[in-house]
């Protein structure tokens, strides 16, 4: 079922998802392959990089609601349990795309450094 939902979601991205996809597709982001709307366990990640075990989530206004906050905390913990790191970017933060992508690049470089040191 998640694969069908993921396929449907890939066909109808939000504006922010579309723009982010342009930033990460075809190994544009530090030469890492990302998948869009990728099923992981019972969840669908906005963007997923297998080689980094990294999920990037773009959070819209809905994610500011109390119920959504609790739901996302659980989701993040479940994904951490699978050995996956979750990086969240609010749509508000993503409005300054170059800063948001710069912060993401820095996060990935730090993640890779910690992994190489055996700390990740």
PDB file of N, CA and C in Angstrom:
ATOM      1  N   UNK A   1       0.815  -1.207   0.000  1.00  0.00           N
ATOM      2  CA  UNK A   1       0.000   0.000   0.000  1.00  0.00           C
ATOM      3  C   UNK A   1       0.859   1.271   0.000  1.00  0.00           C
ATOM      4  N   UNK A   2       1.959   1.271   0.770  1.00  0.00           N
ATOM      5  CA  UNK A   2       2.810   2.449   0.811  1.00  0.00           C
ATOM      6  C   UNK A   2       3.426   2.772  -0.548  1.00  0.00           C
ATOM      7  N   UNK A   3       3.733   1.729  -1.327  1.00  0.00           N
ATOM      8  CA  UNK A   3       4.320   1.982  -2.642  1.00  0.00           C
ATOM      9  C   UNK A   3       3.321   2.688  -3.550  1.00  0.00           C
ATOM     10  N   UNK A   4       2.047   2.315  -3.456  1.00  0.00           N
ATOM     11  CA  UNK A   4       1.008   2.980  -4.244  1.00  0.00           C
ATOM     12  C   UNK A   4       0.837   4.429  -3.789  1.00  0.00           C
ATOM     13  N   UNK A   5       0.817   4.640  -2.477  1.00  0.00           N
ATOM     14  CA  UNK A   5       0.702   6.001  -1.944  1.00  0.00           C
ATOM     15  C   UNK A   5       1.897   6.851  -2.349  1.00  0.00           C
ATOM     16  N   UNK A   6       3.091   6.272  -2.271  1.00  0.00           N
ATOM     17  CA  UNK A   6       4.303   7.007  -2.648  1.00  0.00           C
ATOM     18  C   UNK A   6       4.254   7.409  -4.116  1.00  0.00           C
ATOM     19  N   UNK A   7       3.825   6.500  -4.959  1.00  0.00           N
ATOM     20  CA  UNK A   7       3.722   6.793  -6.395  1.00  0.00           C
ATOM     21  C   UNK A   7       2.743   7.941  -6.647  1.00  0.00           C
ATOM     22  N   UNK A   8       1.608   7.889  -5.955  1.00  0.00           N
ATOM     23  CA  UNK A   8       0.600   8.946  -6.081  1.00  0.00           C
ATOM     24  C   UNK A   8       1.171  10.290  -5.605  1.00  0.00           C
ATOM     25  N   UNK A   9       1.896  10.258  -4.495  1.00  0.00           N
ATOM     26  CA  UNK A   9       2.467  11.490  -3.941  1.00  0.00           C
ATOM     27  C   UNK A   9       3.547  12.076  -4.845  1.00  0.00           C
ATOM     28  N   UNK A  10       4.292  11.210  -5.546  1.00  0.00           N
ATOM     29  CA  UNK A  10       5.311  11.714  -6.477  1.00  0.00           C
ATOM     30  C   UNK A  10       4.674  12.466  -7.638  1.00  0.00           C
ATOM     31  N   UNK A  11       3.448  12.082  -7.986  1.00  0.00           N
ATOM     32  CA  UNK A  11       2.768  12.734  -9.106  1.00  0.00           C
ATOM     33  C   UNK A  11       2.182  14.093  -8.740  1.00  0.00           C
ATOM     34  N   UNK A  12       2.050  14.361  -7.452  1.00  0.00           N
ATOM     35  CA  UNK A  12       1.409  15.600  -7.004  1.00  0.00           C
ATOM     36  C   UNK A  12       2.220  16.268  -5.888  1.00  0.00           C
ATOM     37  N   UNK A  13       3.457  16.701  -6.202  1.00  0.00           N
ATOM     38  CA  UNK A  13       4.288  17.296  -5.147  1.00  0.00           C
ATOM     39  C   UNK A  13       3.811  18.707  -4.779  1.00  0.00           C
ATOM     40  N   UNK A  14       4.145  19.109  -3.552  1.00  0.00           N
ATOM     41  CA  UNK A  14       3.927  20.503  -3.169  1.00  0.00           C
ATOM     42  C   UNK A  14       4.964  21.340  -3.924  1.00  0.00           C
ATOM     43  N   UNK A  15       4.774  22.629  -3.926  1.00  0.00           N
ATOM     44  CA  UNK A  15       5.737  23.522  -4.575  1.00  0.00           C
ATOM     45  C   UNK A  15       7.132  23.321  -3.971  1.00  0.00           C
ATOM     46  N   UNK A  16       7.192  23.260  -2.642  1.00  0.00           N
ATOM     47  CA  UNK A  16       8.470  23.110  -1.955  1.00  0.00           C
ATOM     48  C   UNK A  16       9.137  21.769  -2.295  1.00  0.00           C
ATOM     49  N   UNK A  17       8.338  20.701  -2.385  1.00  0.00           N
ATOM     50  CA  UNK A  17       8.887  19.398  -2.751  1.00  0.00           C
ATOM     51  C   UNK A  17       9.446  19.426  -4.175  1.00  0.00           C
ATOM     52  N   UNK A  18       8.740  20.079  -5.064  1.00  0.00           N
ATOM     53  CA  UNK A  18       9.199  20.189  -6.443  1.00  0.00           C
ATOM     54  C   UNK A  18      10.545  20.924  -6.503  1.00  0.00           C
ATOM     55  N   UNK A  19      10.636  22.036  -5.788  1.00  0.00           N
ATOM     56  CA  UNK A  19      11.863  22.832  -5.790  1.00  0.00           C
ATOM     57  C   UNK A  19      13.009  22.050  -5.145  1.00  0.00           C
ATOM     58  N   UNK A  20      12.724  21.387  -4.028  1.00  0.00           N
ATOM     59  CA  UNK A  20      13.771  20.588  -3.365  1.00  0.00           C
ATOM     60  C   UNK A  20      14.247  19.470  -4.282  1.00  0.00           C
ATOM     61  N   UNK A  21      13.322  18.831  -4.989  1.00  0.00           N
ATOM     62  CA  UNK A  21      13.701  17.759  -5.903  1.00  0.00           C
ATOM     63  C   UNK A  21      14.679  18.277  -6.953  1.00  0.00           C
ATOM     64  N   UNK A  22      14.454  19.483  -7.425  1.00  0.00           N
ATOM     65  CA  UNK A  22      15.379  20.069  -8.400  1.00  0.00           C
ATOM     66  C   UNK A  22      16.767  20.275  -7.792  1.00  0.00           C
ATOM     67  N   UNK A  23      16.842  20.482  -6.488  1.00  0.00           N
ATOM     68  CA  UNK A  23      18.118  20.689  -5.799  1.00  0.00           C
ATOM     69  C   UNK A  23      18.883  19.386  -5.544  1.00  0.00           C
ATOM     70  N   UNK A  24      18.151  18.264  -5.369  1.00  0.00           N
ATOM     71  CA  UNK A  24      18.823  17.024  -4.959  1.00  0.00           C
ATOM     72  C   UNK A  24      18.864  15.940  -6.036  1.00  0.00           C
ATOM     73  N   UNK A  25      18.055  16.062  -7.076  1.00  0.00           N
ATOM     74  CA  UNK A  25      17.983  15.000  -8.081  1.00  0.00           C
ATOM     75  C   UNK A  25      19.273  14.898  -8.886  1.00  0.00           C
ATOM     76  N   UNK A  26      19.474  13.723  -9.460  1.00  0.00           N
ATOM     77  CA  UNK A  26      20.640  13.469 -10.319  1.00  0.00           C
ATOM     78  C   UNK A  26      21.974  13.752  -9.624  1.00  0.00           C
ATOM     79  N   UNK A  27      22.031  13.420  -8.326  1.00  0.00           N
ATOM     80  CA  UNK A  27      23.265  13.567  -7.538  1.00  0.00           C
ATOM     81  C   UNK A  27      23.777  15.002  -7.460  1.00  0.00           C
ATOM     82  N   UNK A  28      22.879  15.978  -7.527  1.00  0.00           N
ATOM     83  CA  UNK A  28      23.281  17.384  -7.466  1.00  0.00           C
ATOM     84  C   UNK A  28      23.768  17.801  -6.080  1.00  0.00           C
ATOM     85  N   UNK A  29      23.309  17.120  -5.046  1.00  0.00           N
ATOM     86  CA  UNK A  29      23.671  17.509  -3.682  1.00  0.00           C
ATOM     87  C   UNK A  29      24.810  16.619  -3.185  1.00  0.00           C
ATOM     88  N   UNK A  30      26.022  17.140  -3.286  1.00  0.00           N
ATOM     89  CA  UNK A  30      27.226  16.453  -2.804  1.00  0.00           C
ATOM     90  C   UNK A  30      27.370  15.043  -3.377  1.00  0.00           C
ATOM     91  N   UNK A  31      26.879  14.863  -4.588  1.00  0.00           N
ATOM     92  CA  UNK A  31      26.997  13.603  -5.334  1.00  0.00           C
ATOM     93  C   UNK A  31      26.299  12.421  -4.647  1.00  0.00           C
ATOM     94  N   UNK A  32      25.210  12.696  -3.928  1.00  0.00           N
ATOM     95  CA  UNK A  32      24.451  11.627  -3.281  1.00  0.00           C
ATOM     96  C   UNK A  32      23.124  11.429  -3.999  1.00  0.00           C
ATOM     97  N   UNK A  33      22.733  10.166  -4.122  1.00  0.00           N
ATOM     98  CA  UNK A  33      21.474   9.821  -4.790  1.00  0.00           C
ATOM     99  C   UNK A  33      20.325   9.913  -3.792  1.00  0.00           C
ATOM    100  N   UNK A  34      19.327  10.694  -4.143  1.00  0.00           N
ATOM    101  CA  UNK A  34      18.120  10.819  -3.337  1.00  0.00           C
ATOM    102  C   UNK A  34      16.934  10.254  -4.098  1.00  0.00           C
ATOM    103  N   UNK A  35      16.021   9.685  -3.348  1.00  0.00           N
ATOM    104  CA  UNK A  35      14.748   9.225  -3.895  1.00  0.00           C
ATOM    105  C   UNK A  35      13.661  10.122  -3.332  1.00  0.00           C
ATOM    106  N   UNK A  36      12.623  10.305  -4.108  1.00  0.00           N
ATOM    107  CA  UNK A  36      11.516  11.182  -3.719  1.00  0.00           C
ATOM    108  C   UNK A  36      10.322  10.329  -3.318  1.00  0.00           C
ATOM    109  N   UNK A  37       9.666  10.717  -2.207  1.00  0.00           N
ATOM    110  CA  UNK A  37       8.488   9.996  -1.700  1.00  0.00           C
ATOM    111  C   UNK A  37       8.797   8.498  -1.632  1.00  0.00           C
ATOM    112  N   UNK A  38       9.768   8.175  -0.805  1.00  0.00           N
ATOM    113  CA  UNK A  38      10.275   6.803  -0.719  1.00  0.00           C
ATOM    114  C   UNK A  38       9.720   6.086   0.519  1.00  0.00           C
ATOM    115  N   UNK A  39       9.099   4.915   0.338  1.00  0.00           N
ATOM    116  CA  UNK A  39       8.580   4.146   1.481  1.00  0.00           C
ATOM    117  C   UNK A  39       9.708   3.618   2.372  1.00  0.00           C
ATOM    118  N   UNK A  40       9.559   3.832   3.668  1.00  0.00           N
ATOM    119  CA  UNK A  40      10.472   3.286   4.681  1.00  0.00           C
ATOM    120  C   UNK A  40       9.611   2.727   5.796  1.00  0.00           C
ATOM    121  N   UNK A  41       9.610   1.421   5.931  1.00  0.00           N
ATOM    122  CA  UNK A  41       8.773   0.769   6.924  1.00  0.00           C
ATOM    123  C   UNK A  41       7.322   1.196   6.672  1.00  0.00           C
ATOM    124  N   UNK A  42       6.651   1.770   7.654  1.00  0.00           N
ATOM    125  CA  UNK A  42       5.254   2.172   7.459  1.00  0.00           C
ATOM    126  C   UNK A  42       5.118   3.644   7.063  1.00  0.00           C
ATOM    127  N   UNK A  43       6.230   4.305   6.789  1.00  0.00           N
ATOM    128  CA  UNK A  43       6.227   5.734   6.467  1.00  0.00           C
ATOM    129  C   UNK A  43       6.624   5.976   5.014  1.00  0.00           C
ATOM    130  N   UNK A  44       6.369   7.193   4.567  1.00  0.00           N
ATOM    131  CA  UNK A  44       6.852   7.628   3.255  1.00  0.00           C
ATOM    132  C   UNK A  44       7.677   8.883   3.494  1.00  0.00           C
ATOM    133  N   UNK A  45       8.965   8.795   3.170  1.00  0.00           N
ATOM    134  CA  UNK A  45       9.884   9.915   3.363  1.00  0.00           C
ATOM    135  C   UNK A  45       9.777  10.864   2.173  1.00  0.00           C
ATOM    136  N   UNK A  46       9.797  12.171   2.450  1.00  0.00           N
ATOM    137  CA  UNK A  46       9.785  13.136   1.350  1.00  0.00           C
ATOM    138  C   UNK A  46      10.978  12.873   0.426  1.00  0.00           C
ATOM    139  N   UNK A  47      12.170  12.786   1.033  1.00  0.00           N
ATOM    140  CA  UNK A  47      13.396  12.512   0.276  1.00  0.00           C
ATOM    141  C   UNK A  47      14.249  11.561   1.101  1.00  0.00           C
ATOM    142  N   UNK A  48      14.849  10.578   0.438  1.00  0.00           N
ATOM    143  CA  UNK A  48      15.644   9.584   1.152  1.00  0.00           C
ATOM    144  C   UNK A  48      16.928   9.294   0.395  1.00  0.00           C
ATOM    145  N   UNK A  49      18.036   9.275   1.134  1.00  0.00           N
ATOM    146  CA  UNK A  49      19.337   8.896   0.587  1.00  0.00           C
ATOM    147  C   UNK A  49      19.785   7.640   1.323  1.00  0.00           C
ATOM    148  N   UNK A  50      19.823   6.515   0.605  1.00  0.00           N
ATOM    149  CA  UNK A  50      20.180   5.237   1.212  1.00  0.00           C
ATOM    150  C   UNK A  50      21.630   5.226   1.708  1.00  0.00           C
ATOM    151  N   UNK A  51      22.557   5.762   0.897  1.00  0.00           N
ATOM    152  CA  UNK A  51      23.969   5.691   1.269  1.00  0.00           C
ATOM    153  C   UNK A  51      24.280   6.483   2.540  1.00  0.00           C
ATOM    154  N   UNK A  52      23.480   7.499   2.846  1.00  0.00           N
ATOM    155  CA  UNK A  52      23.658   8.273   4.081  1.00  0.00           C
ATOM    156  C   UNK A  52      22.671   7.863   5.169  1.00  0.00           C
ATOM    157  N   UNK A  53      21.704   7.023   4.824  1.00  0.00           N
ATOM    158  CA  UNK A  53      20.595   6.680   5.736  1.00  0.00           C
ATOM    159  C   UNK A  53      19.989   7.979   6.267  1.00  0.00           C
ATOM    160  N   UNK A  54      19.644   8.865   5.318  1.00  0.00           N
ATOM    161  CA  UNK A  54      19.153  10.205   5.642  1.00  0.00           C
ATOM    162  C   UNK A  54      17.802  10.458   4.996  1.00  0.00           C
ATOM    163  N   UNK A  55      16.873  10.919   5.814  1.00  0.00           N
ATOM    164  CA  UNK A  55      15.563  11.368   5.341  1.00  0.00           C
ATOM    165  C   UNK A  55      15.523  12.880   5.459  1.00  0.00           C
ATOM    166  N   UNK A  56      15.057  13.547   4.420  1.00  0.00           N
ATOM    167  CA  UNK A  56      14.807  14.985   4.465  1.00  0.00           C
ATOM    168  C   UNK A  56      13.305  15.173   4.403  1.00  0.00           C
ATOM    169  N   UNK A  57      12.776  15.866   5.386  1.00  0.00           N
ATOM    170  CA  UNK A  57      11.344  16.137   5.445  1.00  0.00           C
ATOM    171  C   UNK A  57      11.102  17.634   5.314  1.00  0.00           C
ATOM    172  N   UNK A  58      10.195  18.003   4.433  1.00  0.00           N
ATOM    173  CA  UNK A  58       9.756  19.387   4.306  1.00  0.00           C
ATOM    174  C   UNK A  58       8.443  19.517   5.066  1.00  0.00           C
ATOM    175  N   UNK A  59       8.431  20.409   6.034  1.00  0.00           N
ATOM    176  CA  UNK A  59       7.280  20.542   6.920  1.00  0.00           C
ATOM    177  C   UNK A  59       6.496  21.813   6.643  1.00  0.00           C
ATOM    178  N   UNK A  60       5.230  21.626   6.251  1.00  0.00           N
ATOM    179  CA  UNK A  60       4.335  22.759   6.020  1.00  0.00           C
ATOM    180  C   UNK A  60       3.627  23.174   7.302  1.00  0.00           C
ATOM    181  N   UNK A  61       2.648  24.040   7.165  1.00  0.00           N
ATOM    182  CA  UNK A  61       1.896  24.574   8.315  1.00  0.00           C
ATOM    183  C   UNK A  61       1.272  23.471   9.161  1.00  0.00           C
ATOM    184  N   UNK A  62       0.805  22.407   8.515  1.00  0.00           N
ATOM    185  CA  UNK A  62       0.178  21.299   9.233  1.00  0.00           C
ATOM    186  C   UNK A  62       1.086  20.771  10.343  1.00  0.00           C
ATOM    187  N   UNK A  63       2.391  20.774  10.098  1.00  0.00           N
ATOM    188  CA  UNK A  63       3.355  20.224  11.050  1.00  0.00           C
ATOM    189  C   UNK A  63       3.507  21.083  12.298  1.00  0.00           C
ATOM    190  N   UNK A  64       2.907  22.259  12.317  1.00  0.00           N
ATOM    191  CA  UNK A  64       2.955  23.132  13.492  1.00  0.00           C
ATOM    192  C   UNK A  64       1.831  22.827  14.475  1.00  0.00           C
ATOM    193  N   UNK A  65       0.842  22.057  14.051  1.00  0.00           N
ATOM    194  CA  UNK A  65      -0.277  21.717  14.924  1.00  0.00           C
ATOM    195  C   UNK A  65       0.163  20.685  15.950  1.00  0.00           C
ATOM    196  N   UNK A  66      -0.402  20.787  17.168  1.00  0.00           N
ATOM    197  CA  UNK A  66       0.021  19.931  18.272  1.00  0.00           C
ATOM    198  C   UNK A  66      -0.061  18.440  17.940  1.00  0.00           C
ATOM    199  N   UNK A  67      -1.148  18.037  17.327  1.00  0.00           N
ATOM    200  CA  UNK A  67      -1.321  16.631  16.968  1.00  0.00           C
ATOM    201  C   UNK A  67      -0.235  16.177  15.985  1.00  0.00           C
ATOM    202  N   UNK A  68       0.067  17.023  15.021  1.00  0.00           N
ATOM    203  CA  UNK A  68       1.090  16.695  14.019  1.00  0.00           C
ATOM    204  C   UNK A  68       2.476  16.646  14.651  1.00  0.00           C
ATOM    205  N   UNK A  69       2.732  17.531  15.590  1.00  0.00           N
ATOM    206  CA  UNK A  69       4.037  17.554  16.261  1.00  0.00           C
ATOM    207  C   UNK A  69       4.282  16.225  16.965  1.00  0.00           C
ATOM    208  N   UNK A  70       3.283  15.744  17.691  1.00  0.00           N
ATOM    209  CA  UNK A  70       3.413  14.463  18.395  1.00  0.00           C
ATOM    210  C   UNK A  70       3.582  13.308  17.413  1.00  0.00           C
ATOM    211  N   UNK A  71       2.826  13.339  16.345  1.00  0.00           N
ATOM    212  CA  UNK A  71       2.899  12.296  15.315  1.00  0.00           C
ATOM    213  C   UNK A  71       4.296  12.260  14.678  1.00  0.00           C
ATOM    214  N   UNK A  72       4.845  13.441  14.391  1.00  0.00           N
ATOM    215  CA  UNK A  72       6.162  13.530  13.758  1.00  0.00           C
ATOM    216  C   UNK A  72       7.276  13.118  14.714  1.00  0.00           C
ATOM    217  N   UNK A  73       7.109  13.397  16.014  1.00  0.00           N
ATOM    218  CA  UNK A  73       8.097  12.936  17.002  1.00  0.00           C
ATOM    219  C   UNK A  73       8.175  11.413  16.980  1.00  0.00           C
ATOM    220  N   UNK A  74       7.011  10.774  16.968  1.00  0.00           N
ATOM    221  CA  UNK A  74       6.953   9.310  16.941  1.00  0.00           C
ATOM    222  C   UNK A  74       7.586   8.787  15.650  1.00  0.00           C
ATOM    223  N   UNK A  75       7.243   9.393  14.558  1.00  0.00           N
ATOM    224  CA  UNK A  75       7.783   8.997  13.251  1.00  0.00           C
ATOM    225  C   UNK A  75       9.311   9.112  13.245  1.00  0.00           C
ATOM    226  N   UNK A  76       9.828  10.218  13.759  1.00  0.00           N
ATOM    227  CA  UNK A  76      11.274  10.430  13.811  1.00  0.00           C
ATOM    228  C   UNK A  76      11.936   9.370  14.682  1.00  0.00           C
ATOM    229  N   UNK A  77      11.350   9.075  15.836  1.00  0.00           N
ATOM    230  CA  UNK A  77      11.906   8.043  16.714  1.00  0.00           C
ATOM    231  C   UNK A  77      11.885   6.667  16.043  1.00  0.00           C
ATOM    232  N   UNK A  78      10.788   6.353  15.367  1.00  0.00           N
ATOM    233  CA  UNK A  78      10.697   5.072  14.655  1.00  0.00           C
ATOM    234  C   UNK A  78      11.770   4.973  13.572  1.00  0.00           C
ATOM    235  N   UNK A  79      11.978   6.051  12.828  1.00  0.00           N
ATOM    236  CA  UNK A  79      12.993   6.039  11.779  1.00  0.00           C
ATOM    237  C   UNK A  79      14.395   5.945  12.374  1.00  0.00           C
ATOM    238  N   UNK A  80      14.620   6.627  13.504  1.00  0.00           N
ATOM    239  CA  UNK A  80      15.914   6.513  14.188  1.00  0.00           C
ATOM    240  C   UNK A  80      16.162   5.063  14.577  1.00  0.00           C
ATOM    241  N   UNK A  81      15.102   4.381  15.002  1.00  0.00           N
ATOM    242  CA  UNK A  81      15.206   2.969  15.363  1.00  0.00           C
ATOM    243  C   UNK A  81      15.633   2.095  14.191  1.00  0.00           C
ATOM    244  N   UNK A  82      15.391   2.571  12.980  1.00  0.00           N
ATOM    245  CA  UNK A  82      15.816   1.865  11.769  1.00  0.00           C
ATOM    246  C   UNK A  82      17.227   2.277  11.347  1.00  0.00           C
ATOM    247  N   UNK A  83      17.843   3.171  12.128  1.00  0.00           N
ATOM    248  CA  UNK A  83      19.180   3.649  11.799  1.00  0.00           C
ATOM    249  C   UNK A  83      19.190   4.808  10.826  1.00  0.00           C
ATOM    250  N   UNK A  84      18.065   5.492  10.710  1.00  0.00           N
ATOM    251  CA  UNK A  84      17.929   6.592   9.759  1.00  0.00           C
ATOM    252  C   UNK A  84      17.956   7.928  10.506  1.00  0.00           C
ATOM    253  N   UNK A  85      18.680   8.890   9.956  1.00  0.00           N
ATOM    254  CA  UNK A  85      18.700  10.252  10.480  1.00  0.00           C
ATOM    255  C   UNK A  85      17.637  11.057   9.748  1.00  0.00           C
ATOM    256  N   UNK A  86      16.881  11.867  10.488  1.00  0.00           N
ATOM    257  CA  UNK A  86      15.836  12.696   9.895  1.00  0.00           C
ATOM    258  C   UNK A  86      16.254  14.164  10.005  1.00  0.00           C
ATOM    259  N   UNK A  87      16.232  14.856   8.871  1.00  0.00           N
ATOM    260  CA  UNK A  87      16.547  16.289   8.813  1.00  0.00           C
ATOM    261  C   UNK A  87      15.287  17.004   8.354  1.00  0.00           C
ATOM    262  N   UNK A  88      14.795  17.925   9.177  1.00  0.00           N
ATOM    263  CA  UNK A  88      13.557  18.634   8.868  1.00  0.00           C
ATOM    264  C   UNK A  88      13.836  20.073   8.455  1.00  0.00           C
ATOM    265  N   UNK A  89      13.106  20.501   7.440  1.00  0.00           N
ATOM    266  CA  UNK A  89      13.161  21.884   6.976  1.00  0.00           C
ATOM    267  C   UNK A  89      11.719  22.375   6.897  1.00  0.00           C
ATOM    268  N   UNK A  90      11.429  23.454   7.580  1.00  0.00           N
ATOM    269  CA  UNK A  90      10.077  24.013   7.486  1.00  0.00           C
ATOM    270  C   UNK A  90       9.936  24.728   6.144  1.00  0.00           C
ATOM    271  N   UNK A  91       8.725  24.774   5.646  1.00  0.00           N
ATOM    272  CA  UNK A  91       8.481  25.508   4.401  1.00  0.00           C
ATOM    273  C   UNK A  91       8.877  26.973   4.566  1.00  0.00           C
ATOM    274  N   UNK A  92       8.678  27.498   5.763  1.00  0.00           N
ATOM    275  CA  UNK A  92       9.066  28.885   6.063  1.00  0.00           C
ATOM    276  C   UNK A  92      10.580  29.054   5.886  1.00  0.00           C
ATOM    277  N   UNK A  93      11.346  28.139   6.460  1.00  0.00           N
ATOM    278  CA  UNK A  93      12.805  28.172   6.340  1.00  0.00           C
ATOM    279  C   UNK A  93      13.221  27.996   4.880  1.00  0.00           C
ATOM    280  N   UNK A  94      12.492  27.162   4.144  1.00  0.00           N
ATOM    281  CA  UNK A  94      12.840  26.851   2.758  1.00  0.00           C
ATOM    282  C   UNK A  94      12.592  28.026   1.820  1.00  0.00           C
ATOM    283  N   UNK A  95      11.863  29.023   2.293  1.00  0.00           N
ATOM    284  CA  UNK A  95      11.659  30.218   1.445  1.00  0.00           C
ATOM    285  C   UNK A  95      12.986  30.863   1.082  1.00  0.00           C
ATOM    286  N   UNK A  96      13.953  30.803   2.023  1.00  0.00           N
ATOM    287  CA  UNK A  96      15.311  31.248   1.703  1.00  0.00           C
ATOM    288  C   UNK A  96      16.071  29.999   1.263  1.00  0.00           C
ATOM    289  N   UNK A  97      15.806  29.603   0.051  1.00  0.00           N
ATOM    290  CA  UNK A  97      16.290  28.319  -0.472  1.00  0.00           C
ATOM    291  C   UNK A  97      17.798  28.177  -0.380  1.00  0.00           C
ATOM    292  N   UNK A  98      18.534  29.191  -0.764  1.00  0.00           N
ATOM    293  CA  UNK A  98      19.997  29.050  -0.769  1.00  0.00           C
ATOM    294  C   UNK A  98      20.523  28.829   0.650  1.00  0.00           C
ATOM    295  N   UNK A  99      19.944  29.491   1.646  1.00  0.00           N
ATOM    296  CA  UNK A  99      20.364  29.288   3.033  1.00  0.00           C
ATOM    297  C   UNK A  99      19.967  27.881   3.501  1.00  0.00           C
ATOM    298  N   UNK A 100      18.752  27.462   3.186  1.00  0.00           N
ATOM    299  CA  UNK A 100      18.276  26.136   3.596  1.00  0.00           C
ATOM    300  C   UNK A 100      19.133  25.035   2.975  1.00  0.00           C
ATOM    301  N   UNK A 101      19.465  25.161   1.703  1.00  0.00           N
ATOM    302  CA  UNK A 101      20.299  24.161   1.030  1.00  0.00           C
ATOM    303  C   UNK A 101      21.723  24.212   1.581  1.00  0.00           C
ATOM    304  N   UNK A 102      22.217  25.404   1.869  1.00  0.00           N
ATOM    305  CA  UNK A 102      23.545  25.538   2.480  1.00  0.00           C
ATOM    306  C   UNK A 102      23.604  24.852   3.837  1.00  0.00           C
ATOM    307  N   UNK A 103      22.569  25.040   4.641  1.00  0.00           N
ATOM    308  CA  UNK A 103      22.506  24.375   5.951  1.00  0.00           C
ATOM    309  C   UNK A 103      22.435  22.861   5.782  1.00  0.00           C
ATOM    310  N   UNK A 104      21.679  22.405   4.806  1.00  0.00           N
ATOM    311  CA  UNK A 104      21.567  20.974   4.539  1.00  0.00           C
ATOM    312  C   UNK A 104      22.919  20.406   4.105  1.00  0.00           C
ATOM    313  N   UNK A 105      23.616  21.117   3.231  1.00  0.00           N
ATOM    314  CA  UNK A 105      24.952  20.671   2.797  1.00  0.00           C
ATOM    315  C   UNK A 105      25.879  20.515   4.003  1.00  0.00           C
ATOM    316  N   UNK A 106      25.862  21.509   4.875  1.00  0.00           N
ATOM    317  CA  UNK A 106      26.713  21.473   6.065  1.00  0.00           C
ATOM    318  C   UNK A 106      26.342  20.297   6.959  1.00  0.00           C
ATOM    319  N   UNK A 107      25.037  20.058   7.118  1.00  0.00           N
ATOM    320  CA  UNK A 107      24.572  18.939   7.931  1.00  0.00           C
ATOM    321  C   UNK A 107      25.068  17.613   7.358  1.00  0.00           C
ATOM    322  N   UNK A 108      24.973  17.457   6.041  1.00  0.00           N
ATOM    323  CA  UNK A 108      25.423  16.220   5.399  1.00  0.00           C
ATOM    324  C   UNK A 108      26.922  16.041   5.572  1.00  0.00           C
ATOM    325  N   UNK A 109      27.698  17.103   5.414  1.00  0.00           N
ATOM    326  CA  UNK A 109      29.149  16.989   5.586  1.00  0.00           C
ATOM    327  C   UNK A 109      29.479  16.600   7.027  1.00  0.00           C
ATOM    328  N   UNK A 110      28.768  17.157   7.995  1.00  0.00           N
ATOM    329  CA  UNK A 110      28.972  16.804   9.397  1.00  0.00           C
ATOM    330  C   UNK A 110      28.576  15.354   9.641  1.00  0.00           C
ATOM    331  N   UNK A 111      27.441  14.947   9.079  1.00  0.00           N
ATOM    332  CA  UNK A 111      26.972  13.567   9.204  1.00  0.00           C
ATOM    333  C   UNK A 111      28.012  12.592   8.654  1.00  0.00           C
ATOM    334  N   UNK A 112      28.565  12.913   7.497  1.00  0.00           N
ATOM    335  CA  UNK A 112      29.568  12.050   6.876  1.00  0.00           C
ATOM    336  C   UNK A 112      30.842  11.999   7.726  1.00  0.00           C
ATOM    337  N   UNK A 113      31.260  13.118   8.281  1.00  0.00           N
ATOM    338  CA  UNK A 113      32.441  13.170   9.122  1.00  0.00           C
ATOM    339  C   UNK A 113      32.268  12.304  10.355  1.00  0.00           C
ATOM    340  N   UNK A 114      31.097  12.419  11.008  1.00  0.00           N
ATOM    341  CA  UNK A 114      30.833  11.598  12.192  1.00  0.00           C
ATOM    342  C   UNK A 114      30.769  10.120  11.837  1.00  0.00           C
ATOM    343  N   UNK A 115      30.213   9.805  10.687  1.00  0.00           N
ATOM    344  CA  UNK A 115      30.136   8.405  10.248  1.00  0.00           C
ATOM    345  C   UNK A 115      31.529   7.837  10.002  1.00  0.00           C
ATOM    346  N   UNK A 116      32.394   8.637   9.395  1.00  0.00           N
ATOM    347  CA  UNK A 116      33.764   8.193   9.125  1.00  0.00           C
ATOM    348  C   UNK A 116      34.548   7.987  10.404  1.00  0.00           C
ATOM    349  N   UNK A 117      34.203   8.767  11.430  1.00  0.00           N
ATOM    350  CA  UNK A 117      34.877   8.644  12.718  1.00  0.00           C
ATOM    351  C   UNK A 117      34.270   7.560  13.588  1.00  0.00           C
ATOM    352  N   UNK A 118      33.211   6.930  13.073  1.00  0.00           N
ATOM    353  CA  UNK A 118      32.573   5.864  13.834  1.00  0.00           C
ATOM    354  C   UNK A 118      31.628   6.389  14.895  1.00  0.00           C
ATOM    355  N   UNK A 119      31.243   7.661  14.782  1.00  0.00           N
ATOM    356  CA  UNK A 119      30.362   8.275  15.770  1.00  0.00           C
ATOM    357  C   UNK A 119      28.918   8.293  15.293  1.00  0.00           C
ATOM    358  N   UNK A 120      28.645   7.931  14.054  1.00  0.00           N
ATOM    359  CA  UNK A 120      27.297   8.036  13.495  1.00  0.00           C
ATOM    360  C   UNK A 120      26.607   6.768  13.601  1.00  0.00           C
TER     361      UNK A 120
END
